[in-house]
Amino acid sequence: MTLAEIHTKLGNTALYYLLAISIWGFYRFFRQQGVNSSYWGALAIAELLLLAQALMGAFLWIGGSRPNRGIHILYGIVVLMMIPGSYVYTKGRSDRPEMLAYGTATIIGVGLLIRAMFTAVPLV
């Protein structure tokens, strides 16, 4: 399996993982719950997964493999900053409104990952 294939499969994994924790986040919000330690852990895993994805993309870039459109890299950088940006925005609090912020950030991350996937491959 090539590095490009691993990068693609890791992108799919990140997409489904962010979708799952987004649904979980909205579920917790509508149940009047805040961010608990399990959700913090899930967010940390998501960020590590996105970081691994970004590092693989950087290795591909250095190796000469470029995405079809340069905006692919911008999508990758923005999705990588979504969770830390939400943490800064919420000032690390874990009440109910912050749960909505994390649920929203992760669903926006899903959209950004989908866009990144479409800008990585040539249009047929």
PDB file of N, CA and C in Angstrom:
ATOM      1  N   MET A   1       0.850  -1.168   0.000  1.00  0.00           N
ATOM      2  CA  MET A   1       0.000   0.000   0.000  1.00  0.00           C
ATOM      3  C   MET A   1       0.902   1.240   0.000  1.00  0.00           C
ATOM      4  N   THR A   2       0.617   2.162  -0.905  1.00  0.00           N
ATOM      5  CA  THR A   2       1.433   3.363  -1.014  1.00  0.00           C
ATOM      6  C   THR A   2       1.034   4.389   0.043  1.00  0.00           C
ATOM      7  N   LEU A   3       1.893   5.385   0.216  1.00  0.00           N
ATOM      8  CA  LEU A   3       1.614   6.450   1.167  1.00  0.00           C
ATOM      9  C   LEU A   3       0.372   7.235   0.750  1.00  0.00           C
ATOM     10  N   ALA A   4       0.167   7.411  -0.542  1.00  0.00           N
ATOM     11  CA  ALA A   4      -1.018   8.118  -1.038  1.00  0.00           C
ATOM     12  C   ALA A   4      -2.295   7.353  -0.689  1.00  0.00           C
ATOM     13  N   GLU A   5      -2.256   6.036  -0.795  1.00  0.00           N
ATOM     14  CA  GLU A   5      -3.426   5.231  -0.443  1.00  0.00           C
ATOM     15  C   GLU A   5      -3.707   5.311   1.052  1.00  0.00           C
ATOM     16  N   ILE A   6      -2.652   5.291   1.852  1.00  0.00           N
ATOM     17  CA  ILE A   6      -2.828   5.423   3.308  1.00  0.00           C
ATOM     18  C   ILE A   6      -3.403   6.792   3.637  1.00  0.00           C
ATOM     19  N   HIS A   7      -2.914   7.829   2.962  1.00  0.00           N
ATOM     20  CA  HIS A   7      -3.419   9.189   3.163  1.00  0.00           C
ATOM     21  C   HIS A   7      -4.920   9.252   2.832  1.00  0.00           C
ATOM     22  N   THR A   8      -5.319   8.604   1.756  1.00  0.00           N
ATOM     23  CA  THR A   8      -6.725   8.573   1.361  1.00  0.00           C
ATOM     24  C   THR A   8      -7.573   7.827   2.381  1.00  0.00           C
ATOM     25  N   LYS A   9      -7.115   6.668   2.798  1.00  0.00           N
ATOM     26  CA  LYS A   9      -7.881   5.867   3.763  1.00  0.00           C
ATOM     27  C   LYS A   9      -7.946   6.547   5.138  1.00  0.00           C
ATOM     28  N   LEU A  10      -6.871   7.198   5.535  1.00  0.00           N
ATOM     29  CA  LEU A  10      -6.876   7.935   6.792  1.00  0.00           C
ATOM     30  C   LEU A  10      -7.835   9.122   6.714  1.00  0.00           C
ATOM     31  N   GLY A  11      -7.943   9.731   5.531  1.00  0.00           N
ATOM     32  CA  GLY A  11      -8.910  10.808   5.333  1.00  0.00           C
ATOM     33  C   GLY A  11     -10.339  10.320   5.493  1.00  0.00           C
ATOM     34  N   ASN A  12     -10.624   9.130   4.957  1.00  0.00           N
ATOM     35  CA  ASN A  12     -11.954   8.539   5.133  1.00  0.00           C
ATOM     36  C   ASN A  12     -12.230   8.242   6.603  1.00  0.00           C
ATOM     37  N   THR A  13     -11.225   7.719   7.291  1.00  0.00           N
ATOM     38  CA  THR A  13     -11.368   7.433   8.714  1.00  0.00           C
ATOM     39  C   THR A  13     -11.649   8.703   9.502  1.00  0.00           C
ATOM     40  N   ALA A  14     -10.907   9.760   9.193  1.00  0.00           N
ATOM     41  CA  ALA A  14     -11.115  11.045   9.869  1.00  0.00           C
ATOM     42  C   ALA A  14     -12.512  11.577   9.602  1.00  0.00           C
ATOM     43  N   LEU A  15     -12.979  11.442   8.374  1.00  0.00           N
ATOM     44  CA  LEU A  15     -14.319  11.903   8.016  1.00  0.00           C
ATOM     45  C   LEU A  15     -15.384  11.202   8.862  1.00  0.00           C
ATOM     46  N   TYR A  16     -15.344   9.889   8.912  1.00  0.00           N
ATOM     47  CA  TYR A  16     -16.351   9.142   9.664  1.00  0.00           C
ATOM     48  C   TYR A  16     -16.218   9.365  11.169  1.00  0.00           C
ATOM     49  N   TYR A  17     -14.989   9.506  11.651  1.00  0.00           N
ATOM     50  CA  TYR A  17     -14.783   9.732  13.076  1.00  0.00           C
ATOM     51  C   TYR A  17     -15.335  11.095  13.484  1.00  0.00           C
ATOM     52  N   LEU A  18     -15.032  12.136  12.690  1.00  0.00           N
ATOM     53  CA  LEU A  18     -15.566  13.461  13.005  1.00  0.00           C
ATOM     54  C   LEU A  18     -17.089  13.475  12.917  1.00  0.00           C
ATOM     55  N   LEU A  19     -17.650  12.747  11.965  1.00  0.00           N
ATOM     56  CA  LEU A  19     -19.104  12.667  11.859  1.00  0.00           C
ATOM     57  C   LEU A  19     -19.689  12.018  13.115  1.00  0.00           C
ATOM     58  N   ALA A  20     -19.056  10.957  13.589  1.00  0.00           N
ATOM     59  CA  ALA A  20     -19.546  10.261  14.783  1.00  0.00           C
ATOM     60  C   ALA A  20     -19.467  11.153  16.023  1.00  0.00           C
ATOM     61  N   ILE A  21     -18.356  11.854  16.212  1.00  0.00           N
ATOM     62  CA  ILE A  21     -18.268  12.672  17.423  1.00  0.00           C
ATOM     63  C   ILE A  21     -19.111  13.940  17.302  1.00  0.00           C
ATOM     64  N   SER A  22     -19.396  14.351  16.080  1.00  0.00           N
ATOM     65  CA  SER A  22     -20.317  15.476  15.893  1.00  0.00           C
ATOM     66  C   SER A  22     -21.733  15.072  16.306  1.00  0.00           C
ATOM     67  N   ILE A  23     -22.176  13.925  15.838  1.00  0.00           N
ATOM     68  CA  ILE A  23     -23.505  13.431  16.227  1.00  0.00           C
ATOM     69  C   ILE A  23     -23.566  13.249  17.741  1.00  0.00           C
ATOM     70  N   TRP A  24     -22.525  12.682  18.310  1.00  0.00           N
ATOM     71  CA  TRP A  24     -22.453  12.505  19.759  1.00  0.00           C
ATOM     72  C   TRP A  24     -22.517  13.857  20.475  1.00  0.00           C
ATOM     73  N   GLY A  25     -21.814  14.846  19.953  1.00  0.00           N
ATOM     74  CA  GLY A  25     -21.811  16.176  20.557  1.00  0.00           C
ATOM     75  C   GLY A  25     -23.182  16.826  20.525  1.00  0.00           C
ATOM     76  N   PHE A  26     -23.868  16.740  19.388  1.00  0.00           N
ATOM     77  CA  PHE A  26     -25.212  17.309  19.304  1.00  0.00           C
ATOM     78  C   PHE A  26     -26.190  16.545  20.203  1.00  0.00           C
ATOM     79  N   TYR A  27     -26.014  15.228  20.288  1.00  0.00           N
ATOM     80  CA  TYR A  27     -26.843  14.427  21.188  1.00  0.00           C
ATOM     81  C   TYR A  27     -26.669  14.898  22.629  1.00  0.00           C
ATOM     82  N   ARG A  28     -25.434  15.081  23.036  1.00  0.00           N
ATOM     83  CA  ARG A  28     -25.168  15.560  24.396  1.00  0.00           C
ATOM     84  C   ARG A  28     -25.746  16.960  24.603  1.00  0.00           C
ATOM     85  N   PHE A  29     -25.628  17.823  23.608  1.00  0.00           N
ATOM     86  CA  PHE A  29     -26.162  19.174  23.731  1.00  0.00           C
ATOM     87  C   PHE A  29     -27.676  19.145  23.924  1.00  0.00           C
ATOM     88  N   PHE A  30     -28.377  18.380  23.116  1.00  0.00           N
ATOM     89  CA  PHE A  30     -29.837  18.326  23.224  1.00  0.00           C
ATOM     90  C   PHE A  30     -30.310  17.604  24.478  1.00  0.00           C
ATOM     91  N   ARG A  31     -29.432  16.825  25.097  1.00  0.00           N
ATOM     92  CA  ARG A  31     -29.748  16.174  26.370  1.00  0.00           C
ATOM     93  C   ARG A  31     -29.350  17.050  27.554  1.00  0.00           C
ATOM     94  N   GLN A  32     -29.034  18.316  27.278  1.00  0.00           N
ATOM     95  CA  GLN A  32     -28.683  19.295  28.320  1.00  0.00           C
ATOM     96  C   GLN A  32     -27.381  18.942  29.042  1.00  0.00           C
ATOM     97  N   GLN A  33     -26.436  18.348  28.328  1.00  0.00           N
ATOM     98  CA  GLN A  33     -25.169  17.935  28.928  1.00  0.00           C
ATOM     99  C   GLN A  33     -24.017  18.750  28.344  1.00  0.00           C
ATOM    100  N   GLY A  34     -22.987  18.870  29.132  1.00  0.00           N
ATOM    101  CA  GLY A  34     -21.776  19.558  28.687  1.00  0.00           C
ATOM    102  C   GLY A  34     -20.739  18.568  28.206  1.00  0.00           C
ATOM    103  N   VAL A  35     -19.532  19.061  28.082  1.00  0.00           N
ATOM    104  CA  VAL A  35     -18.410  18.237  27.627  1.00  0.00           C
ATOM    105  C   VAL A  35     -17.880  17.449  28.825  1.00  0.00           C
ATOM    106  N   ASN A  36     -17.826  16.134  28.693  1.00  0.00           N
ATOM    107  CA  ASN A  36     -17.267  15.313  29.776  1.00  0.00           C
ATOM    108  C   ASN A  36     -15.904  14.769  29.359  1.00  0.00           C
ATOM    109  N   SER A  37     -15.283  14.018  30.239  1.00  0.00           N
ATOM    110  CA  SER A  37     -13.930  13.529  29.967  1.00  0.00           C
ATOM    111  C   SER A  37     -13.885  12.586  28.766  1.00  0.00           C
ATOM    112  N   SER A  38     -14.930  11.819  28.547  1.00  0.00           N
ATOM    113  CA  SER A  38     -14.963  10.923  27.387  1.00  0.00           C
ATOM    114  C   SER A  38     -14.959  11.719  26.085  1.00  0.00           C
ATOM    115  N   TYR A  39     -15.711  12.803  26.068  1.00  0.00           N
ATOM    116  CA  TYR A  39     -15.767  13.621  24.854  1.00  0.00           C
ATOM    117  C   TYR A  39     -14.448  14.360  24.645  1.00  0.00           C
ATOM    118  N   TRP A  40     -13.820  14.827  25.731  1.00  0.00           N
ATOM    119  CA  TRP A  40     -12.497  15.458  25.605  1.00  0.00           C
ATOM    120  C   TRP A  40     -11.529  14.463  24.971  1.00  0.00           C
ATOM    121  N   GLY A  41     -11.580  13.222  25.433  1.00  0.00           N
ATOM    122  CA  GLY A  41     -10.699  12.191  24.872  1.00  0.00           C
ATOM    123  C   GLY A  41     -10.974  11.945  23.401  1.00  0.00           C
ATOM    124  N   ALA A  42     -12.254  11.922  23.020  1.00  0.00           N
ATOM    125  CA  ALA A  42     -12.615  11.724  21.619  1.00  0.00           C
ATOM    126  C   ALA A  42     -12.106  12.888  20.764  1.00  0.00           C
ATOM    127  N   LEU A  43     -12.190  14.108  21.301  1.00  0.00           N
ATOM    128  CA  LEU A  43     -11.665  15.265  20.573  1.00  0.00           C
ATOM    129  C   LEU A  43     -10.147  15.186  20.421  1.00  0.00           C
ATOM    130  N   ALA A  44      -9.465  14.709  21.454  1.00  0.00           N
ATOM    131  CA  ALA A  44      -8.008  14.561  21.381  1.00  0.00           C
ATOM    132  C   ALA A  44      -7.625  13.519  20.327  1.00  0.00           C
ATOM    133  N   ILE A  45      -8.355  12.419  20.293  1.00  0.00           N
ATOM    134  CA  ILE A  45      -8.091  11.390  19.279  1.00  0.00           C
ATOM    135  C   ILE A  45      -8.335  11.954  17.881  1.00  0.00           C
ATOM    136  N   ALA A  46      -9.405  12.728  17.729  1.00  0.00           N
ATOM    137  CA  ALA A  46      -9.702  13.335  16.429  1.00  0.00           C
ATOM    138  C   ALA A  46      -8.566  14.246  15.987  1.00  0.00           C
ATOM    139  N   GLU A  47      -8.060  15.046  16.908  1.00  0.00           N
ATOM    140  CA  GLU A  47      -6.981  15.964  16.557  1.00  0.00           C
ATOM    141  C   GLU A  47      -5.706  15.201  16.183  1.00  0.00           C
ATOM    142  N   LEU A  48      -5.410  14.130  16.900  1.00  0.00           N
ATOM    143  CA  LEU A  48      -4.240  13.309  16.559  1.00  0.00           C
ATOM    144  C   LEU A  48      -4.411  12.648  15.197  1.00  0.00           C
ATOM    145  N   LEU A  49      -5.614  12.203  14.906  1.00  0.00           N
ATOM    146  CA  LEU A  49      -5.905  11.598  13.607  1.00  0.00           C
ATOM    147  C   LEU A  49      -5.714  12.616  12.479  1.00  0.00           C
ATOM    148  N   LEU A  50      -6.205  13.833  12.697  1.00  0.00           N
ATOM    149  CA  LEU A  50      -6.047  14.890  11.697  1.00  0.00           C
ATOM    150  C   LEU A  50      -4.587  15.302  11.556  1.00  0.00           C
ATOM    151  N   LEU A  51      -3.860  15.305  12.652  1.00  0.00           N
ATOM    152  CA  LEU A  51      -2.434  15.637  12.599  1.00  0.00           C
ATOM    153  C   LEU A  51      -1.655  14.581  11.815  1.00  0.00           C
ATOM    154  N   ALA A  52      -1.966  13.308  12.030  1.00  0.00           N
ATOM    155  CA  ALA A  52      -1.320  12.230  11.268  1.00  0.00           C
ATOM    156  C   ALA A  52      -1.628  12.377   9.782  1.00  0.00           C
ATOM    157  N   GLN A  53      -2.868  12.733   9.478  1.00  0.00           N
ATOM    158  CA  GLN A  53      -3.277  12.949   8.093  1.00  0.00           C
ATOM    159  C   GLN A  53      -2.476  14.095   7.465  1.00  0.00           C
ATOM    160  N   ALA A  54      -2.317  15.179   8.215  1.00  0.00           N
ATOM    161  CA  ALA A  54      -1.575  16.335   7.715  1.00  0.00           C
ATOM    162  C   ALA A  54      -0.094  16.003   7.505  1.00  0.00           C
ATOM    163  N   LEU A  55       0.483  15.240   8.426  1.00  0.00           N
ATOM    164  CA  LEU A  55       1.889  14.857   8.278  1.00  0.00           C
ATOM    165  C   LEU A  55       2.105  13.977   7.056  1.00  0.00           C
ATOM    166  N   MET A  56       1.178  13.063   6.815  1.00  0.00           N
ATOM    167  CA  MET A  56       1.283  12.233   5.609  1.00  0.00           C
ATOM    168  C   MET A  56       1.158  13.085   4.360  1.00  0.00           C
ATOM    169  N   GLY A  57       0.258  14.049   4.396  1.00  0.00           N
ATOM    170  CA  GLY A  57       0.126  14.966   3.265  1.00  0.00           C
ATOM    171  C   GLY A  57       1.406  15.754   3.037  1.00  0.00           C
ATOM    172  N   ALA A  58       2.043  16.172   4.124  1.00  0.00           N
ATOM    173  CA  ALA A  58       3.302  16.910   3.997  1.00  0.00           C
ATOM    174  C   ALA A  58       4.392  16.028   3.395  1.00  0.00           C
ATOM    175  N   PHE A  59       4.452  14.765   3.821  1.00  0.00           N
ATOM    176  CA  PHE A  59       5.437  13.840   3.243  1.00  0.00           C
ATOM    177  C   PHE A  59       5.169  13.624   1.757  1.00  0.00           C
ATOM    178  N   LEU A  60       3.899  13.527   1.388  1.00  0.00           N
ATOM    179  CA  LEU A  60       3.567  13.380  -0.029  1.00  0.00           C
ATOM    180  C   LEU A  60       3.987  14.616  -0.816  1.00  0.00           C
ATOM    181  N   TRP A  61       3.755  15.787  -0.227  1.00  0.00           N
ATOM    182  CA  TRP A  61       4.128  17.041  -0.875  1.00  0.00           C
ATOM    183  C   TRP A  61       5.643  17.097  -1.102  1.00  0.00           C
ATOM    184  N   ILE A  62       6.400  16.762  -0.045  1.00  0.00           N
ATOM    185  CA  ILE A  62       7.860  16.773  -0.143  1.00  0.00           C
ATOM    186  C   ILE A  62       8.338  15.765  -1.192  1.00  0.00           C
ATOM    187  N   GLY A  63       7.632  14.640  -1.262  1.00  0.00           N
ATOM    188  CA  GLY A  63       7.992  13.612  -2.236  1.00  0.00           C
ATOM    189  C   GLY A  63       7.598  13.940  -3.666  1.00  0.00           C
ATOM    190  N   GLY A  64       6.933  15.068  -3.881  1.00  0.00           N
ATOM    191  CA  GLY A  64       6.586  15.476  -5.238  1.00  0.00           C
ATOM    192  C   GLY A  64       5.160  15.183  -5.652  1.00  0.00           C
ATOM    193  N   SER A  65       4.394  14.536  -4.809  1.00  0.00           N
ATOM    194  CA  SER A  65       2.996  14.244  -5.128  1.00  0.00           C
ATOM    195  C   SER A  65       2.141  15.430  -4.686  1.00  0.00           C
ATOM    196  N   ARG A  66       1.552  16.111  -5.654  1.00  0.00           N
ATOM    197  CA  ARG A  66       0.782  17.319  -5.368  1.00  0.00           C
ATOM    198  C   ARG A  66      -0.709  17.067  -5.595  1.00  0.00           C
ATOM    199  N   PRO A  67      -1.566  17.749  -4.823  1.00  0.00           N
ATOM    200  CA  PRO A  67      -3.009  17.624  -5.078  1.00  0.00           C
ATOM    201  C   PRO A  67      -3.376  18.317  -6.383  1.00  0.00           C
ATOM    202  N   ASN A  68      -4.547  17.984  -6.904  1.00  0.00           N
ATOM    203  CA  ASN A  68      -5.005  18.572  -8.156  1.00  0.00           C
ATOM    204  C   ASN A  68      -5.127  20.085  -8.053  1.00  0.00           C
ATOM    205  N   ARG A  69      -5.658  20.565  -6.944  1.00  0.00           N
ATOM    206  CA  ARG A  69      -5.808  22.007  -6.729  1.00  0.00           C
ATOM    207  C   ARG A  69      -5.171  22.385  -5.396  1.00  0.00           C
ATOM    208  N   GLY A  70      -4.546  23.538  -5.353  1.00  0.00           N
ATOM    209  CA  GLY A  70      -3.838  23.980  -4.157  1.00  0.00           C
ATOM    210  C   GLY A  70      -4.740  24.250  -2.968  1.00  0.00           C
ATOM    211  N   ILE A  71      -6.022  24.503  -3.218  1.00  0.00           N
ATOM    212  CA  ILE A  71      -6.934  24.783  -2.118  1.00  0.00           C
ATOM    213  C   ILE A  71      -7.108  23.559  -1.204  1.00  0.00           C
ATOM    214  N   HIS A  72      -6.744  22.392  -1.708  1.00  0.00           N
ATOM    215  CA  HIS A  72      -6.770  21.166  -0.901  1.00  0.00           C
ATOM    216  C   HIS A  72      -5.954  21.358   0.382  1.00  0.00           C
ATOM    217  N   ILE A  73      -4.830  22.020   0.261  1.00  0.00           N
ATOM    218  CA  ILE A  73      -3.953  22.247   1.410  1.00  0.00           C
ATOM    219  C   ILE A  73      -4.607  23.207   2.390  1.00  0.00           C
ATOM    220  N   LEU A  74      -5.274  24.231   1.875  1.00  0.00           N
ATOM    221  CA  LEU A  74      -5.979  25.173   2.750  1.00  0.00           C
ATOM    222  C   LEU A  74      -7.070  24.466   3.550  1.00  0.00           C
ATOM    223  N   TYR A  75      -7.843  23.600   2.890  1.00  0.00           N
ATOM    224  CA  TYR A  75      -8.866  22.834   3.606  1.00  0.00           C
ATOM    225  C   TYR A  75      -8.233  21.992   4.708  1.00  0.00           C
ATOM    226  N   GLY A  76      -7.110  21.371   4.405  1.00  0.00           N
ATOM    227  CA  GLY A  76      -6.425  20.547   5.404  1.00  0.00           C
ATOM    228  C   GLY A  76      -5.959  21.357   6.595  1.00  0.00           C
ATOM    229  N   ILE A  77      -5.429  22.536   6.357  1.00  0.00           N
ATOM    230  CA  ILE A  77      -4.954  23.387   7.455  1.00  0.00           C
ATOM    231  C   ILE A  77      -6.119  23.863   8.307  1.00  0.00           C
ATOM    232  N   VAL A  78      -7.209  24.269   7.666  1.00  0.00           N
ATOM    233  CA  VAL A  78      -8.370  24.782   8.416  1.00  0.00           C
ATOM    234  C   VAL A  78      -9.011  23.680   9.257  1.00  0.00           C
ATOM    235  N   VAL A  79      -9.181  22.485   8.685  1.00  0.00           N
ATOM    236  CA  VAL A  79      -9.807  21.405   9.463  1.00  0.00           C
ATOM    237  C   VAL A  79      -8.908  21.004  10.633  1.00  0.00           C
ATOM    238  N   LEU A  80      -7.611  21.115  10.453  1.00  0.00           N
ATOM    239  CA  LEU A  80      -6.676  20.808  11.527  1.00  0.00           C
ATOM    240  C   LEU A  80      -6.801  21.806  12.680  1.00  0.00           C
ATOM    241  N   MET A  81      -7.197  23.035  12.369  1.00  0.00           N
ATOM    242  CA  MET A  81      -7.316  24.079  13.397  1.00  0.00           C
ATOM    243  C   MET A  81      -8.707  24.167  14.028  1.00  0.00           C
ATOM    244  N   MET A  82      -9.677  23.394  13.554  1.00  0.00           N
ATOM    245  CA  MET A  82     -11.060  23.517  14.046  1.00  0.00           C
ATOM    246  C   MET A  82     -11.189  23.195  15.543  1.00  0.00           C
ATOM    247  N   ILE A  83     -10.649  22.084  15.992  1.00  0.00           N
ATOM    248  CA  ILE A  83     -10.800  21.682  17.394  1.00  0.00           C
ATOM    249  C   ILE A  83      -9.990  22.585  18.320  1.00  0.00           C
ATOM    250  N   PRO A  84      -8.701  22.847  18.022  1.00  0.00           N
ATOM    251  CA  PRO A  84      -7.982  23.793  18.886  1.00  0.00           C
ATOM    252  C   PRO A  84      -8.603  25.187  18.869  1.00  0.00           C
ATOM    253  N   GLY A  85      -9.109  25.603  17.715  1.00  0.00           N
ATOM    254  CA  GLY A  85      -9.773  26.900  17.625  1.00  0.00           C
ATOM    255  C   GLY A  85     -11.023  26.958  18.481  1.00  0.00           C
ATOM    256  N   SER A  86     -11.764  25.870  18.515  1.00  0.00           N
ATOM    257  CA  SER A  86     -12.959  25.810  19.363  1.00  0.00           C
ATOM    258  C   SER A  86     -12.579  25.841  20.836  1.00  0.00           C
ATOM    259  N   TYR A  87     -11.471  25.191  21.169  1.00  0.00           N
ATOM    260  CA  TYR A  87     -11.004  25.200  22.554  1.00  0.00           C
ATOM    261  C   TYR A  87     -10.643  26.623  22.985  1.00  0.00           C
ATOM    262  N   VAL A  88      -9.957  27.337  22.107  1.00  0.00           N
ATOM    263  CA  VAL A  88      -9.601  28.729  22.414  1.00  0.00           C
ATOM    264  C   VAL A  88     -10.855  29.579  22.514  1.00  0.00           C
ATOM    265  N   TYR A  89     -11.799  29.371  21.596  1.00  0.00           N
ATOM    266  CA  TYR A  89     -13.040  30.146  21.589  1.00  0.00           C
ATOM    267  C   TYR A  89     -13.848  29.928  22.870  1.00  0.00           C
ATOM    268  N   THR A  90     -13.904  28.684  23.332  1.00  0.00           N
ATOM    269  CA  THR A  90     -14.689  28.378  24.532  1.00  0.00           C
ATOM    270  C   THR A  90     -13.893  28.567  25.814  1.00  0.00           C
ATOM    271  N   LYS A  91     -12.624  28.931  25.683  1.00  0.00           N
ATOM    272  CA  LYS A  91     -11.727  29.122  26.822  1.00  0.00           C
ATOM    273  C   LYS A  91     -11.617  27.860  27.684  1.00  0.00           C
ATOM    274  N   GLY A  92     -11.755  26.700  27.073  1.00  0.00           N
ATOM    275  CA  GLY A  92     -11.586  25.436  27.766  1.00  0.00           C
ATOM    276  C   GLY A  92     -12.722  25.045  28.689  1.00  0.00           C
ATOM    277  N   ARG A  93     -13.807  25.799  28.667  1.00  0.00           N
ATOM    278  CA  ARG A  93     -14.944  25.445  29.533  1.00  0.00           C
ATOM    279  C   ARG A  93     -15.635  24.205  28.996  1.00  0.00           C
ATOM    280  N   SER A  94     -16.448  23.584  29.824  1.00  0.00           N
ATOM    281  CA  SER A  94     -17.098  22.336  29.399  1.00  0.00           C
ATOM    282  C   SER A  94     -18.588  22.333  29.728  1.00  0.00           C
ATOM    283  N   ASP A  95     -19.227  23.486  29.650  1.00  0.00           N
ATOM    284  CA  ASP A  95     -20.664  23.564  29.914  1.00  0.00           C
ATOM    285  C   ASP A  95     -21.452  23.237  28.646  1.00  0.00           C
ATOM    286  N   ARG A  96     -22.769  23.328  28.746  1.00  0.00           N
ATOM    287  CA  ARG A  96     -23.630  22.980  27.621  1.00  0.00           C
ATOM    288  C   ARG A  96     -23.369  23.825  26.370  1.00  0.00           C
ATOM    289  N   PRO A  97     -23.241  25.155  26.454  1.00  0.00           N
ATOM    290  CA  PRO A  97     -22.983  25.922  25.219  1.00  0.00           C
ATOM    291  C   PRO A  97     -21.691  25.506  24.515  1.00  0.00           C
ATOM    292  N   GLU A  98     -20.708  25.119  25.276  1.00  0.00           N
ATOM    293  CA  GLU A  98     -19.449  24.676  24.677  1.00  0.00           C
ATOM    294  C   GLU A  98     -19.636  23.355  23.923  1.00  0.00           C
ATOM    295  N   MET A  99     -20.564  22.522  24.397  1.00  0.00           N
ATOM    296  CA  MET A  99     -20.866  21.271  23.705  1.00  0.00           C
ATOM    297  C   MET A  99     -21.377  21.578  22.298  1.00  0.00           C
ATOM    298  N   LEU A 100     -22.204  22.608  22.183  1.00  0.00           N
ATOM    299  CA  LEU A 100     -22.704  23.021  20.871  1.00  0.00           C
ATOM    300  C   LEU A 100     -21.559  23.514  19.989  1.00  0.00           C
ATOM    301  N   ALA A 101     -20.621  24.228  20.566  1.00  0.00           N
ATOM    302  CA  ALA A 101     -19.475  24.728  19.795  1.00  0.00           C
ATOM    303  C   ALA A 101     -18.653  23.573  19.239  1.00  0.00           C
ATOM    304  N   TYR A 102     -18.402  22.546  20.039  1.00  0.00           N
ATOM    305  CA  TYR A 102     -17.612  21.414  19.566  1.00  0.00           C
ATOM    306  C   TYR A 102     -18.384  20.577  18.550  1.00  0.00           C
ATOM    307  N   GLY A 103     -19.679  20.396  18.778  1.00  0.00           N
ATOM    308  CA  GLY A 103     -20.491  19.669  17.796  1.00  0.00           C
ATOM    309  C   GLY A 103     -20.512  20.385  16.458  1.00  0.00           C
ATOM    310  N   THR A 104     -20.626  21.699  16.505  1.00  0.00           N
ATOM    311  CA  THR A 104     -20.635  22.495  15.275  1.00  0.00           C
ATOM    312  C   THR A 104     -19.268  22.475  14.598  1.00  0.00           C
ATOM    313  N   ALA A 105     -18.216  22.598  15.370  1.00  0.00           N
ATOM    314  CA  ALA A 105     -16.862  22.586  14.795  1.00  0.00           C
ATOM    315  C   ALA A 105     -16.578  21.257  14.100  1.00  0.00           C
ATOM    316  N   THR A 106     -17.008  20.169  14.711  1.00  0.00           N
ATOM    317  CA  THR A 106     -16.711  18.867  14.099  1.00  0.00           C
ATOM    318  C   THR A 106     -17.557  18.623  12.853  1.00  0.00           C
ATOM    319  N   ILE A 107     -18.801  19.122  12.823  1.00  0.00           N
ATOM    320  CA  ILE A 107     -19.599  18.931  11.602  1.00  0.00           C
ATOM    321  C   ILE A 107     -19.071  19.826  10.481  1.00  0.00           C
ATOM    322  N   ILE A 108     -18.563  21.002  10.820  1.00  0.00           N
ATOM    323  CA  ILE A 108     -17.913  21.835   9.808  1.00  0.00           C
ATOM    324  C   ILE A 108     -16.646  21.131   9.313  1.00  0.00           C
ATOM    325  N   GLY A 109     -15.932  20.472  10.230  1.00  0.00           N
ATOM    326  CA  GLY A 109     -14.762  19.686   9.841  1.00  0.00           C
ATOM    327  C   GLY A 109     -15.112  18.586   8.857  1.00  0.00           C
ATOM    328  N   VAL A 110     -16.275  17.967   9.041  1.00  0.00           N
ATOM    329  CA  VAL A 110     -16.735  16.936   8.101  1.00  0.00           C
ATOM    330  C   VAL A 110     -16.898  17.548   6.711  1.00  0.00           C
ATOM    331  N   GLY A 111     -17.539  18.706   6.654  1.00  0.00           N
ATOM    332  CA  GLY A 111     -17.715  19.370   5.368  1.00  0.00           C
ATOM    333  C   GLY A 111     -16.393  19.745   4.719  1.00  0.00           C
ATOM    334  N   LEU A 112     -15.456  20.221   5.525  1.00  0.00           N
ATOM    335  CA  LEU A 112     -14.141  20.577   4.996  1.00  0.00           C
ATOM    336  C   LEU A 112     -13.385  19.349   4.491  1.00  0.00           C
ATOM    337  N   LEU A 113     -13.516  18.231   5.197  1.00  0.00           N
ATOM    338  CA  LEU A 113     -12.862  17.009   4.737  1.00  0.00           C
ATOM    339  C   LEU A 113     -13.455  16.528   3.411  1.00  0.00           C
ATOM    340  N   ILE A 114     -14.760  16.651   3.270  1.00  0.00           N
ATOM    341  CA  ILE A 114     -15.387  16.258   2.002  1.00  0.00           C
ATOM    342  C   ILE A 114     -14.868  17.145   0.870  1.00  0.00           C
ATOM    343  N   ARG A 115     -14.804  18.451   1.120  1.00  0.00           N
ATOM    344  CA  ARG A 115     -14.275  19.368   0.101  1.00  0.00           C
ATOM    345  C   ARG A 115     -12.817  19.045  -0.210  1.00  0.00           C
ATOM    346  N   ALA A 116     -12.035  18.739   0.815  1.00  0.00           N
ATOM    347  CA  ALA A 116     -10.629  18.400   0.597  1.00  0.00           C
ATOM    348  C   ALA A 116     -10.500  17.158  -0.276  1.00  0.00           C
ATOM    349  N   MET A 117     -11.370  16.198  -0.082  1.00  0.00           N
ATOM    350  CA  MET A 117     -11.317  14.979  -0.885  1.00  0.00           C
ATOM    351  C   MET A 117     -11.606  15.268  -2.350  1.00  0.00           C
ATOM    352  N   PHE A 118     -12.552  16.168  -2.598  1.00  0.00           N
ATOM    353  CA  PHE A 118     -12.893  16.489  -3.974  1.00  0.00           C
ATOM    354  C   PHE A 118     -11.836  17.330  -4.672  1.00  0.00           C
ATOM    355  N   THR A 119     -11.067  18.104  -3.910  1.00  0.00           N
ATOM    356  CA  THR A 119     -10.042  18.932  -4.536  1.00  0.00           C
ATOM    357  C   THR A 119      -8.708  18.207  -4.671  1.00  0.00           C
ATOM    358  N   ALA A 120      -8.599  17.020  -4.117  1.00  0.00           N
ATOM    359  CA  ALA A 120      -7.337  16.282  -4.179  1.00  0.00           C
ATOM    360  C   ALA A 120      -7.182  15.506  -5.465  1.00  0.00           C
ATOM    361  N   VAL A 121      -8.276  15.084  -6.060  1.00  0.00           N
ATOM    362  CA  VAL A 121      -8.206  14.209  -7.238  1.00  0.00           C
ATOM    363  C   VAL A 121      -8.612  14.984  -8.485  1.00  0.00           C
ATOM    364  N   PRO A 122      -8.089  14.588  -9.631  1.00  0.00           N
ATOM    365  CA  PRO A 122      -8.486  15.242 -10.892  1.00  0.00           C
ATOM    366  C   PRO A 122      -9.962  15.008 -11.188  1.00  0.00           C
ATOM    367  N   LEU A 123     -10.593  16.002 -11.784  1.00  0.00           N
ATOM    368  CA  LEU A 123     -11.978  15.857 -12.200  1.00  0.00           C
ATOM    369  C   LEU A 123     -12.040  15.007 -13.459  1.00  0.00           C
ATOM    370  N   VAL A 124     -12.971  14.077 -13.497  1.00  0.00           N
ATOM    371  CA  VAL A 124     -13.087  13.173 -14.648  1.00  0.00           C
ATOM    372  C   VAL A 124     -14.334  13.497 -15.429  1.00  0.00           C
TER     373      VAL A 124
END
